Amino acid sequence: MNFNVGGTDKKIRIISGIGILLAGIIFQSWWGLLGIIPLLTGLVKFCPLYCPLNIDTKNKKEP
């Protein structure tokens, strides 16, 4: 699998995903489950939406 999420993008996705999940827990809302999407895309370093848009935020030097 080709990775298309870079280091900074990965950190932003993980932090925002955790924040959305926590907000869902605090406000007791099912909308907090949407935090799983940025969290998972940050952890696996692949965003399916980036493919059709031809976006690649990873540095070419990253493995």
C-alpha atoms as a PDB file:
ATOM      1  CA  MET A   1       0.000   0.000   0.000  1.00  0.00           C
ATOM      2  CA  ASN A   2       1.299   3.442  -0.856  1.00  0.00           C
ATOM      3  CA  PHE A   3       1.255   5.856   2.035  1.00  0.00           C
ATOM      4  CA  ASN A   4      -0.051   9.343   1.285  1.00  0.00           C
ATOM      5  CA  VAL A   5      -0.236  10.965   4.749  1.00  0.00           C
ATOM      6  CA  GLY A   6       2.891  12.733   5.967  1.00  0.00           C
ATOM      7  CA  GLY A   7       4.226  13.343   9.468  1.00  0.00           C
ATOM      8  CA  THR A   8       2.542  16.657  10.267  1.00  0.00           C
ATOM      9  CA  ASP A   9      -0.710  15.563   8.644  1.00  0.00           C
ATOM     10  CA  LYS A  10      -0.556  12.345  10.672  1.00  0.00           C
ATOM     11  CA  LYS A  11      -0.142  14.214  13.974  1.00  0.00           C
ATOM     12  CA  ILE A  12      -3.011  16.596  13.176  1.00  0.00           C
ATOM     13  CA  ARG A  13      -5.300  13.693  12.245  1.00  0.00           C
ATOM     14  CA  ILE A  14      -4.514  11.702  15.400  1.00  0.00           C
ATOM     15  CA  ILE A  15      -4.941  14.687  17.727  1.00  0.00           C
ATOM     16  CA  SER A  16      -8.171  15.829  16.057  1.00  0.00           C
ATOM     17  CA  GLY A  17      -9.553  12.274  16.021  1.00  0.00           C
ATOM     18  CA  ILE A  18      -8.931  11.879  19.743  1.00  0.00           C
ATOM     19  CA  GLY A  19     -10.446  15.325  20.353  1.00  0.00           C
ATOM     20  CA  ILE A  20     -13.605  14.480  18.415  1.00  0.00           C
ATOM     21  CA  LEU A  21     -13.944  11.166  20.250  1.00  0.00           C
ATOM     22  CA  LEU A  22     -13.514  12.892  23.619  1.00  0.00           C
ATOM     23  CA  ALA A  23     -16.061  15.575  22.685  1.00  0.00           C
ATOM     24  CA  GLY A  24     -18.513  12.811  21.800  1.00  0.00           C
ATOM     25  CA  ILE A  25     -17.960  11.209  25.191  1.00  0.00           C
ATOM     26  CA  ILE A  26     -18.231  14.499  27.094  1.00  0.00           C
ATOM     27  CA  PHE A  27     -21.403  15.622  25.297  1.00  0.00           C
ATOM     28  CA  GLN A  28     -22.781  12.045  25.150  1.00  0.00           C
ATOM     29  CA  SER A  29     -23.284  12.187  21.401  1.00  0.00           C
ATOM     30  CA  TRP A  30     -22.953   9.543  18.700  1.00  0.00           C
ATOM     31  CA  TRP A  31     -21.339  12.202  16.493  1.00  0.00           C
ATOM     32  CA  GLY A  32     -18.143  11.571  18.436  1.00  0.00           C
ATOM     33  CA  LEU A  33     -17.742   8.305  16.540  1.00  0.00           C
ATOM     34  CA  LEU A  34     -16.735  10.357  13.497  1.00  0.00           C
ATOM     35  CA  GLY A  35     -13.423  10.847  15.300  1.00  0.00           C
ATOM     36  CA  ILE A  36     -12.549   7.282  14.319  1.00  0.00           C
ATOM     37  CA  ILE A  37     -12.060   8.362  10.690  1.00  0.00           C
ATOM     38  CA  PRO A  38      -9.200  10.864  11.165  1.00  0.00           C
ATOM     39  CA  LEU A  39      -7.712   8.688  13.917  1.00  0.00           C
ATOM     40  CA  LEU A  40      -7.515   5.597  11.705  1.00  0.00           C
ATOM     41  CA  THR A  41      -6.289   7.459   8.624  1.00  0.00           C
ATOM     42  CA  GLY A  42      -3.566   9.008  10.768  1.00  0.00           C
ATOM     43  CA  LEU A  43      -2.523   5.686  12.271  1.00  0.00           C
ATOM     44  CA  VAL A  44      -2.355   3.787   8.983  1.00  0.00           C
ATOM     45  CA  LYS A  45      -0.895   6.793   7.104  1.00  0.00           C
ATOM     46  CA  PHE A  46      -3.326   6.332   4.208  1.00  0.00           C
ATOM     47  CA  CYS A  47      -6.312   8.490   3.279  1.00  0.00           C
ATOM     48  CA  PRO A  48      -8.604   7.042   0.579  1.00  0.00           C
ATOM     49  CA  LEU A  49      -9.952  10.506  -0.268  1.00  0.00           C
ATOM     50  CA  TYR A  50      -6.442  11.655  -1.218  1.00  0.00           C
ATOM     51  CA  CYS A  51      -6.222   9.093  -4.062  1.00  0.00           C
ATOM     52  CA  PRO A  52      -8.818  10.540  -6.474  1.00  0.00           C
ATOM     53  CA  LEU A  53      -7.681  14.065  -5.596  1.00  0.00           C
ATOM     54  CA  ASN A  54      -4.037  13.089  -6.245  1.00  0.00           C
ATOM     55  CA  ILE A  55      -2.833  14.560  -2.925  1.00  0.00           C
ATOM     56  CA  ASP A  56       0.310  13.309  -1.188  1.00  0.00           C
ATOM     57  CA  THR A  57       1.463  15.013   2.019  1.00  0.00           C
ATOM     58  CA  LYS A  58       4.290  12.663   2.912  1.00  0.00           C
ATOM     59  CA  ASN A  59       7.858  13.695   2.447  1.00  0.00           C
ATOM     60  CA  LYS A  60       9.676  11.739  -0.257  1.00  0.00           C
ATOM     61  CA  LYS A  61      12.420  10.908   2.268  1.00  0.00           C
ATOM     62  CA  GLU A  62       9.985   9.139   4.639  1.00  0.00           C
ATOM     63  CA  PRO A  63       9.901   5.309   4.424  1.00  0.00           C
END
